[in-house]
């Protein structure tokens, strides 16, 4: 997969290791954003950086199915007053 974005960088010292800055054009083309977990892998051609496999986002139905009032702090859908509410 090639998006046509190519830049030349210089490997720099970064703390006790080495680093390469990802330019905004490359980040946008790769759909990278701040805080994105990535995996770094050594391959025959060099180094491959790609988004890390993450847990799939749950749908509302899946979240409700996993909800346990005893574990998650009380009522899930109260149908009356539950505390000191005043009307």
PDB file of N, CA and C in Angstrom:
ATOM      1  N   UNK A   1       0.845  -1.178   0.000  1.00  0.00           N
ATOM      2  CA  UNK A   1       0.000   0.000   0.000  1.00  0.00           C
ATOM      3  C   UNK A   1       0.888   1.237   0.000  1.00  0.00           C
ATOM      4  N   UNK A   2       0.792   2.014  -1.031  1.00  0.00           N
ATOM      5  CA  UNK A   2       1.592   3.223  -1.126  1.00  0.00           C
ATOM      6  C   UNK A   2       0.674   4.418  -1.316  1.00  0.00           C
ATOM      7  N   UNK A   3       0.898   5.448  -0.519  1.00  0.00           N
ATOM      8  CA  UNK A   3       0.071   6.655  -0.629  1.00  0.00           C
ATOM      9  C   UNK A   3       0.814   7.775  -1.330  1.00  0.00           C
ATOM     10  N   UNK A   4       2.034   7.508  -1.756  1.00  0.00           N
ATOM     11  CA  UNK A   4       2.807   8.520  -2.453  1.00  0.00           C
ATOM     12  C   UNK A   4       3.513   9.507  -1.540  1.00  0.00           C
ATOM     13  N   UNK A   5       3.407   9.356  -0.237  1.00  0.00           N
ATOM     14  CA  UNK A   5       4.081  10.252   0.696  1.00  0.00           C
ATOM     15  C   UNK A   5       5.426   9.636   1.056  1.00  0.00           C
ATOM     16  N   UNK A   6       6.489  10.390   0.802  1.00  0.00           N
ATOM     17  CA  UNK A   6       7.830   9.877   1.095  1.00  0.00           C
ATOM     18  C   UNK A   6       8.676  11.038   1.597  1.00  0.00           C
ATOM     19  N   UNK A   7       9.342  10.840   2.716  1.00  0.00           N
ATOM     20  CA  UNK A   7      10.235  11.859   3.270  1.00  0.00           C
ATOM     21  C   UNK A   7      11.537  11.184   3.673  1.00  0.00           C
ATOM     22  N   UNK A   8      12.596  11.943   3.664  1.00  0.00           N
ATOM     23  CA  UNK A   8      13.872  11.429   4.159  1.00  0.00           C
ATOM     24  C   UNK A   8      14.120  12.054   5.522  1.00  0.00           C
ATOM     25  N   UNK A   9      14.511  11.239   6.469  1.00  0.00           N
ATOM     26  CA  UNK A   9      14.737  11.666   7.842  1.00  0.00           C
ATOM     27  C   UNK A   9      16.128  11.233   8.277  1.00  0.00           C
ATOM     28  N   UNK A  10      16.553  11.761   9.391  1.00  0.00           N
ATOM     29  CA  UNK A  10      17.821  11.354   9.997  1.00  0.00           C
ATOM     30  C   UNK A  10      17.519  10.750  11.361  1.00  0.00           C
ATOM     31  N   UNK A  11      18.107   9.596  11.635  1.00  0.00           N
ATOM     32  CA  UNK A  11      17.935   8.964  12.939  1.00  0.00           C
ATOM     33  C   UNK A  11      18.672   9.828  13.966  1.00  0.00           C
ATOM     34  N   UNK A  12      17.986  10.183  15.043  1.00  0.00           N
ATOM     35  CA  UNK A  12      18.536  11.064  16.068  1.00  0.00           C
ATOM     36  C   UNK A  12      18.620  10.314  17.400  1.00  0.00           C
ATOM     37  N   UNK A  13      19.472  10.800  18.268  1.00  0.00           N
ATOM     38  CA  UNK A  13      19.531  10.265  19.621  1.00  0.00           C
ATOM     39  C   UNK A  13      18.315  10.767  20.377  1.00  0.00           C
ATOM     40  N   UNK A  14      17.668   9.869  21.122  1.00  0.00           N
ATOM     41  CA  UNK A  14      16.474  10.234  21.876  1.00  0.00           C
ATOM     42  C   UNK A  14      16.556   9.503  23.209  1.00  0.00           C
ATOM     43  N   UNK A  15      16.965  10.204  24.258  1.00  0.00           N
ATOM     44  CA  UNK A  15      17.173   9.567  25.556  1.00  0.00           C
ATOM     45  C   UNK A  15      18.272   8.533  25.445  1.00  0.00           C
ATOM     46  N   UNK A  16      17.992   7.309  25.885  1.00  0.00           N
ATOM     47  CA  UNK A  16      18.964   6.220  25.784  1.00  0.00           C
ATOM     48  C   UNK A  16      18.815   5.434  24.488  1.00  0.00           C
ATOM     49  N   UNK A  17      17.931   5.892  23.607  1.00  0.00           N
ATOM     50  CA  UNK A  17      17.684   5.168  22.370  1.00  0.00           C
ATOM     51  C   UNK A  17      17.831   6.072  21.159  1.00  0.00           C
ATOM     52  N   UNK A  18      17.201   5.664  20.079  1.00  0.00           N
ATOM     53  CA  UNK A  18      17.213   6.418  18.833  1.00  0.00           C
ATOM     54  C   UNK A  18      15.778   6.694  18.414  1.00  0.00           C
ATOM     55  N   UNK A  19      15.575   7.752  17.636  1.00  0.00           N
ATOM     56  CA  UNK A  19      14.229   8.081  17.208  1.00  0.00           C
ATOM     57  C   UNK A  19      14.212   8.758  15.858  1.00  0.00           C
ATOM     58  N   UNK A  20      13.065   8.679  15.208  1.00  0.00           N
ATOM     59  CA  UNK A  20      12.801   9.370  13.952  1.00  0.00           C
ATOM     60  C   UNK A  20      11.473  10.086  14.120  1.00  0.00           C
ATOM     61  N   UNK A  21      11.436  11.362  13.793  1.00  0.00           N
ATOM     62  CA  UNK A  21      10.195  12.133  13.908  1.00  0.00           C
ATOM     63  C   UNK A  21       9.286  11.792  12.732  1.00  0.00           C
ATOM     64  N   UNK A  22       8.022  11.552  13.010  1.00  0.00           N
ATOM     65  CA  UNK A  22       7.040  11.303  11.961  1.00  0.00           C
ATOM     66  C   UNK A  22       6.412  12.649  11.607  1.00  0.00           C
ATOM     67  N   UNK A  23       6.616  13.085  10.373  1.00  0.00           N
ATOM     68  CA  UNK A  23       6.085  14.387   9.959  1.00  0.00           C
ATOM     69  C   UNK A  23       4.560  14.338   9.878  1.00  0.00           C
ATOM     70  N   UNK A  24       3.917  15.503   9.893  1.00  0.00           N
ATOM     71  CA  UNK A  24       2.456  15.542   9.863  1.00  0.00           C
ATOM     72  C   UNK A  24       1.909  14.941   8.570  1.00  0.00           C
ATOM     73  N   UNK A  25       2.596  15.153   7.444  1.00  0.00           N
ATOM     74  CA  UNK A  25       2.117  14.581   6.178  1.00  0.00           C
ATOM     75  C   UNK A  25       2.119  13.056   6.221  1.00  0.00           C
ATOM     76  N   UNK A  26       3.184  12.488   6.779  1.00  0.00           N
ATOM     77  CA  UNK A  26       3.277  11.032   6.898  1.00  0.00           C
ATOM     78  C   UNK A  26       2.243  10.524   7.900  1.00  0.00           C
ATOM     79  N   UNK A  27       2.090  11.207   9.026  1.00  0.00           N
ATOM     80  CA  UNK A  27       1.117  10.798  10.042  1.00  0.00           C
ATOM     81  C   UNK A  27      -0.301  10.800   9.477  1.00  0.00           C
ATOM     82  N   UNK A  28      -0.643  11.847   8.736  1.00  0.00           N
ATOM     83  CA  UNK A  28      -1.991  11.912   8.132  1.00  0.00           C
ATOM     84  C   UNK A  28      -2.189  10.791   7.129  1.00  0.00           C
ATOM     85  N   UNK A  29      -1.196  10.555   6.269  1.00  0.00           N
ATOM     86  CA  UNK A  29      -1.311   9.503   5.263  1.00  0.00           C
ATOM     87  C   UNK A  29      -1.434   8.121   5.903  1.00  0.00           C
ATOM     88  N   UNK A  30      -0.751   7.918   7.033  1.00  0.00           N
ATOM     89  CA  UNK A  30      -0.782   6.624   7.728  1.00  0.00           C
ATOM     90  C   UNK A  30      -1.928   6.529   8.728  1.00  0.00           C
ATOM     91  N   UNK A  31      -2.680   7.633   8.890  1.00  0.00           N
ATOM     92  CA  UNK A  31      -3.775   7.697   9.871  1.00  0.00           C
ATOM     93  C   UNK A  31      -3.262   7.462  11.289  1.00  0.00           C
ATOM     94  N   UNK A  32      -2.089   8.039  11.581  1.00  0.00           N
ATOM     95  CA  UNK A  32      -1.518   8.000  12.923  1.00  0.00           C
ATOM     96  C   UNK A  32      -1.936   9.261  13.658  1.00  0.00           C
ATOM     97  N   UNK A  33      -2.155   9.144  14.955  1.00  0.00           N
ATOM     98  CA  UNK A  33      -2.471  10.306  15.777  1.00  0.00           C
ATOM     99  C   UNK A  33      -1.771  10.149  17.123  1.00  0.00           C
ATOM    100  N   UNK A  34      -1.706  11.238  17.846  1.00  0.00           N
ATOM    101  CA  UNK A  34      -1.043  11.237  19.156  1.00  0.00           C
ATOM    102  C   UNK A  34      -1.706  10.202  20.063  1.00  0.00           C
ATOM    103  N   UNK A  35      -0.893   9.395  20.725  1.00  0.00           N
ATOM    104  CA  UNK A  35      -1.403   8.397  21.662  1.00  0.00           C
ATOM    105  C   UNK A  35      -1.757   7.061  21.027  1.00  0.00           C
ATOM    106  N   UNK A  36      -1.630   6.942  19.707  1.00  0.00           N
ATOM    107  CA  UNK A  36      -1.955   5.688  19.030  1.00  0.00           C
ATOM    108  C   UNK A  36      -0.954   4.610  19.422  1.00  0.00           C
ATOM    109  N   UNK A  37      -1.400   3.471  19.948  1.00  0.00           N
ATOM    110  CA  UNK A  37      -0.465   2.383  20.247  1.00  0.00           C
ATOM    111  C   UNK A  37       0.053   1.792  18.933  1.00  0.00           C
ATOM    112  N   UNK A  38       1.346   1.556  18.850  1.00  0.00           N
ATOM    113  CA  UNK A  38       1.936   0.984  17.643  1.00  0.00           C
ATOM    114  C   UNK A  38       2.812  -0.208  18.001  1.00  0.00           C
ATOM    115  N   UNK A  39       3.065  -1.041  17.002  1.00  0.00           N
ATOM    116  CA  UNK A  39       4.060  -2.094  17.138  1.00  0.00           C
ATOM    117  C   UNK A  39       5.221  -1.735  16.220  1.00  0.00           C
ATOM    118  N   UNK A  40       6.416  -2.003  16.675  1.00  0.00           N
ATOM    119  CA  UNK A  40       7.626  -1.764  15.891  1.00  0.00           C
ATOM    120  C   UNK A  40       8.253  -3.129  15.665  1.00  0.00           C
ATOM    121  N   UNK A  41       8.458  -3.457  14.396  1.00  0.00           N
ATOM    122  CA  UNK A  41       8.935  -4.798  14.045  1.00  0.00           C
ATOM    123  C   UNK A  41      10.120  -4.685  13.092  1.00  0.00           C
ATOM    124  N   UNK A  42      11.137  -5.492  13.319  1.00  0.00           N
ATOM    125  CA  UNK A  42      12.267  -5.562  12.407  1.00  0.00           C
ATOM    126  C   UNK A  42      11.906  -6.556  11.312  1.00  0.00           C
ATOM    127  N   UNK A  43      11.974  -6.105  10.056  1.00  0.00           N
ATOM    128  CA  UNK A  43      11.690  -6.949   8.893  1.00  0.00           C
ATOM    129  C   UNK A  43      12.919  -6.929   7.983  1.00  0.00           C
ATOM    130  N   UNK A  44      12.920  -7.760   6.948  1.00  0.00           N
ATOM    131  CA  UNK A  44      14.076  -7.836   6.044  1.00  0.00           C
ATOM    132  C   UNK A  44      14.455  -6.475   5.465  1.00  0.00           C
ATOM    133  N   UNK A  45      13.465  -5.654   5.152  1.00  0.00           N
ATOM    134  CA  UNK A  45      13.715  -4.364   4.509  1.00  0.00           C
ATOM    135  C   UNK A  45      14.107  -3.270   5.492  1.00  0.00           C
ATOM    136  N   UNK A  46      13.923  -3.469   6.786  1.00  0.00           N
ATOM    137  CA  UNK A  46      14.246  -2.447   7.774  1.00  0.00           C
ATOM    138  C   UNK A  46      13.338  -2.551   8.984  1.00  0.00           C
ATOM    139  N   UNK A  47      12.631  -1.467   9.279  1.00  0.00           N
ATOM    140  CA  UNK A  47      11.739  -1.416  10.435  1.00  0.00           C
ATOM    141  C   UNK A  47      10.338  -1.095   9.954  1.00  0.00           C
ATOM    142  N   UNK A  48       9.359  -1.790  10.497  1.00  0.00           N
ATOM    143  CA  UNK A  48       7.960  -1.579  10.159  1.00  0.00           C
ATOM    144  C   UNK A  48       7.239  -1.061  11.399  1.00  0.00           C
ATOM    145  N   UNK A  49       6.566   0.077  11.271  1.00  0.00           N
ATOM    146  CA  UNK A  49       5.774   0.655  12.357  1.00  0.00           C
ATOM    147  C   UNK A  49       4.327   0.641  11.904  1.00  0.00           C
ATOM    148  N   UNK A  50       3.464   0.004  12.699  1.00  0.00           N
ATOM    149  CA  UNK A  50       2.041  -0.039  12.335  1.00  0.00           C
ATOM    150  C   UNK A  50       1.187   0.013  13.589  1.00  0.00           C
ATOM    151  N   UNK A  51      -0.077   0.394  13.433  1.00  0.00           N
ATOM    152  CA  UNK A  51      -0.961   0.441  14.604  1.00  0.00           C
ATOM    153  C   UNK A  51      -1.017  -0.917  15.297  1.00  0.00           C
ATOM    154  N   UNK A  52      -1.008  -0.894  16.613  1.00  0.00           N
ATOM    155  CA  UNK A  52      -1.083  -2.134  17.388  1.00  0.00           C
ATOM    156  C   UNK A  52      -2.496  -2.688  17.320  1.00  0.00           C
ATOM    157  N   UNK A  53      -2.584  -3.983  17.408  1.00  0.00           N
ATOM    158  CA  UNK A  53      -3.904  -4.615  17.473  1.00  0.00           C
ATOM    159  C   UNK A  53      -4.550  -4.191  18.784  1.00  0.00           C
ATOM    160  N   UNK A  54      -5.732  -3.661  18.708  1.00  0.00           N
ATOM    161  CA  UNK A  54      -6.427  -3.207  19.902  1.00  0.00           C
ATOM    162  C   UNK A  54      -7.717  -3.992  20.071  1.00  0.00           C
ATOM    163  N   UNK A  55      -8.267  -3.920  21.242  1.00  0.00           N
ATOM    164  CA  UNK A  55      -9.532  -4.581  21.491  1.00  0.00           C
ATOM    165  C   UNK A  55     -10.617  -3.905  20.656  1.00  0.00           C
ATOM    166  N   UNK A  56     -11.511  -4.682  20.062  1.00  0.00           N
ATOM    167  CA  UNK A  56     -12.583  -4.062  19.292  1.00  0.00           C
ATOM    168  C   UNK A  56     -13.512  -3.273  20.215  1.00  0.00           C
ATOM    169  N   UNK A  57     -14.050  -2.182  19.707  1.00  0.00           N
ATOM    170  CA  UNK A  57     -14.982  -1.390  20.503  1.00  0.00           C
ATOM    171  C   UNK A  57     -16.306  -2.130  20.599  1.00  0.00           C
ATOM    172  N   UNK A  58     -16.844  -2.180  21.817  1.00  0.00           N
ATOM    173  CA  UNK A  58     -18.088  -2.886  22.047  1.00  0.00           C
ATOM    174  C   UNK A  58     -19.278  -2.031  21.630  1.00  0.00           C
ATOM    175  N   UNK A  59     -20.318  -2.708  21.128  1.00  0.00           N
ATOM    176  CA  UNK A  59     -21.565  -2.019  20.824  1.00  0.00           C
ATOM    177  C   UNK A  59     -22.315  -1.796  22.137  1.00  0.00           C
ATOM    178  N   UNK A  60     -23.335  -0.948  22.101  1.00  0.00           N
ATOM    179  CA  UNK A  60     -24.138  -0.713  23.294  1.00  0.00           C
ATOM    180  C   UNK A  60     -24.767  -2.011  23.784  1.00  0.00           C
ATOM    181  N   UNK A  61     -25.267  -2.827  22.873  1.00  0.00           N
ATOM    182  CA  UNK A  61     -25.880  -4.102  23.264  1.00  0.00           C
ATOM    183  C   UNK A  61     -24.867  -5.000  23.981  1.00  0.00           C
ATOM    184  N   UNK A  62     -23.622  -5.021  23.499  1.00  0.00           N
ATOM    185  CA  UNK A  62     -22.594  -5.846  24.131  1.00  0.00           C
ATOM    186  C   UNK A  62     -22.239  -5.299  25.513  1.00  0.00           C
ATOM    187  N   UNK A  63     -22.195  -3.979  25.648  1.00  0.00           N
ATOM    188  CA  UNK A  63     -21.904  -3.373  26.946  1.00  0.00           C
ATOM    189  C   UNK A  63     -23.019  -3.666  27.943  1.00  0.00           C
ATOM    190  N   UNK A  64     -24.268  -3.555  27.514  1.00  0.00           N
ATOM    191  CA  UNK A  64     -25.395  -3.822  28.411  1.00  0.00           C
ATOM    192  C   UNK A  64     -25.427  -5.295  28.821  1.00  0.00           C
ATOM    193  N   UNK A  65     -25.083  -6.180  27.897  1.00  0.00           N
ATOM    194  CA  UNK A  65     -25.060  -7.614  28.211  1.00  0.00           C
ATOM    195  C   UNK A  65     -24.006  -7.918  29.278  1.00  0.00           C
ATOM    196  N   UNK A  66     -22.880  -7.197  29.239  1.00  0.00           N
ATOM    197  CA  UNK A  66     -21.799  -7.428  30.197  1.00  0.00           C
ATOM    198  C   UNK A  66     -22.021  -6.715  31.524  1.00  0.00           C
ATOM    199  N   UNK A  67     -23.031  -5.836  31.608  1.00  0.00           N
ATOM    200  CA  UNK A  67     -23.270  -5.057  32.821  1.00  0.00           C
ATOM    201  C   UNK A  67     -23.774  -5.953  33.939  1.00  0.00           C
ATOM    202  N   UNK A  68     -23.148  -5.859  35.103  1.00  0.00           N
ATOM    203  CA  UNK A  68     -23.561  -6.596  36.291  1.00  0.00           C
ATOM    204  C   UNK A  68     -23.712  -5.585  37.424  1.00  0.00           C
ATOM    205  N   UNK A  69     -24.954  -5.298  37.852  1.00  0.00           N
ATOM    206  CA  UNK A  69     -25.162  -4.294  38.901  1.00  0.00           C
ATOM    207  C   UNK A  69     -24.381  -4.577  40.183  1.00  0.00           C
ATOM    208  N   UNK A  70     -24.176  -5.842  40.516  1.00  0.00           N
ATOM    209  CA  UNK A  70     -23.436  -6.169  41.735  1.00  0.00           C
ATOM    210  C   UNK A  70     -21.971  -5.744  41.622  1.00  0.00           C
ATOM    211  N   UNK A  71     -21.440  -5.802  40.421  1.00  0.00           N
ATOM    212  CA  UNK A  71     -20.037  -5.449  40.200  1.00  0.00           C
ATOM    213  C   UNK A  71     -19.882  -3.967  39.880  1.00  0.00           C
ATOM    214  N   UNK A  72     -20.825  -3.419  39.159  1.00  0.00           N
ATOM    215  CA  UNK A  72     -20.702  -2.057  38.640  1.00  0.00           C
ATOM    216  C   UNK A  72     -21.424  -1.007  39.469  1.00  0.00           C
ATOM    217  N   UNK A  73     -21.719  -1.291  40.683  1.00  0.00           N
ATOM    218  CA  UNK A  73     -22.130  -0.247  41.603  1.00  0.00           C
ATOM    219  C   UNK A  73     -23.594   0.036  41.788  1.00  0.00           C
ATOM    220  N   UNK A  74     -24.477  -0.871  41.524  1.00  0.00           N
ATOM    221  CA  UNK A  74     -25.857  -0.605  41.867  1.00  0.00           C
ATOM    222  C   UNK A  74     -26.813  -0.773  40.712  1.00  0.00           C
ATOM    223  N   UNK A  75     -27.883  -0.020  40.801  1.00  0.00           N
ATOM    224  CA  UNK A  75     -28.973  -0.151  39.852  1.00  0.00           C
ATOM    225  C   UNK A  75     -28.547   0.211  38.430  1.00  0.00           C
ATOM    226  N   UNK A  76     -29.146  -0.483  37.475  1.00  0.00           N
ATOM    227  CA  UNK A  76     -28.838  -0.165  36.086  1.00  0.00           C
ATOM    228  C   UNK A  76     -29.926   0.714  35.490  1.00  0.00           C
ATOM    229  N   UNK A  77     -31.178   0.453  35.825  1.00  0.00           N
ATOM    230  CA  UNK A  77     -32.271   1.244  35.295  1.00  0.00           C
ATOM    231  C   UNK A  77     -33.351   1.366  36.375  1.00  0.00           C
ATOM    232  N   UNK A  78     -33.141   2.241  37.318  1.00  0.00           N
ATOM    233  CA  UNK A  78     -34.121   2.370  38.387  1.00  0.00           C
ATOM    234  C   UNK A  78     -35.432   2.921  37.850  1.00  0.00           C
ATOM    235  N   UNK A  79     -36.541   2.469  38.423  1.00  0.00           N
ATOM    236  CA  UNK A  79     -37.838   2.967  37.954  1.00  0.00           C
ATOM    237  C   UNK A  79     -38.535   3.801  39.020  1.00  0.00           C
ATOM    238  N   UNK A  80     -37.798   4.183  40.016  1.00  0.00           N
ATOM    239  CA  UNK A  80     -38.376   5.035  41.064  1.00  0.00           C
ATOM    240  C   UNK A  80     -37.247   5.763  41.755  1.00  0.00           C
ATOM    241  N   UNK A  81     -37.572   6.408  42.846  1.00  0.00           N
ATOM    242  CA  UNK A  81     -36.550   7.112  43.608  1.00  0.00           C
ATOM    243  C   UNK A  81     -35.592   6.106  44.230  1.00  0.00           C
ATOM    244  N   UNK A  82     -34.315   6.442  44.198  1.00  0.00           N
ATOM    245  CA  UNK A  82     -33.305   5.529  44.739  1.00  0.00           C
ATOM    246  C   UNK A  82     -32.518   6.126  45.880  1.00  0.00           C
ATOM    247  N   UNK A  83     -32.663   7.394  46.133  1.00  0.00           N
ATOM    248  CA  UNK A  83     -31.879   8.005  47.172  1.00  0.00           C
ATOM    249  C   UNK A  83     -32.612   9.160  47.801  1.00  0.00           C
ATOM    250  N   UNK A  84     -31.938  10.275  47.938  1.00  0.00           N
ATOM    251  CA  UNK A  84     -32.474  11.459  48.602  1.00  0.00           C
ATOM    252  C   UNK A  84     -33.055  12.466  47.600  1.00  0.00           C
ATOM    253  N   UNK A  85     -33.492  11.984  46.420  1.00  0.00           N
ATOM    254  CA  UNK A  85     -34.023  12.910  45.439  1.00  0.00           C
ATOM    255  C   UNK A  85     -35.237  13.649  45.994  1.00  0.00           C
ATOM    256  N   UNK A  86     -35.335  14.915  45.651  1.00  0.00           N
ATOM    257  CA  UNK A  86     -36.497  15.711  46.063  1.00  0.00           C
ATOM    258  C   UNK A  86     -37.096  16.344  44.831  1.00  0.00           C
ATOM    259  N   UNK A  87     -38.399  16.282  44.746  1.00  0.00           N
ATOM    260  CA  UNK A  87     -39.084  16.867  43.582  1.00  0.00           C
ATOM    261  C   UNK A  87     -39.988  17.980  44.016  1.00  0.00           C
TER     262      UNK A  87
END
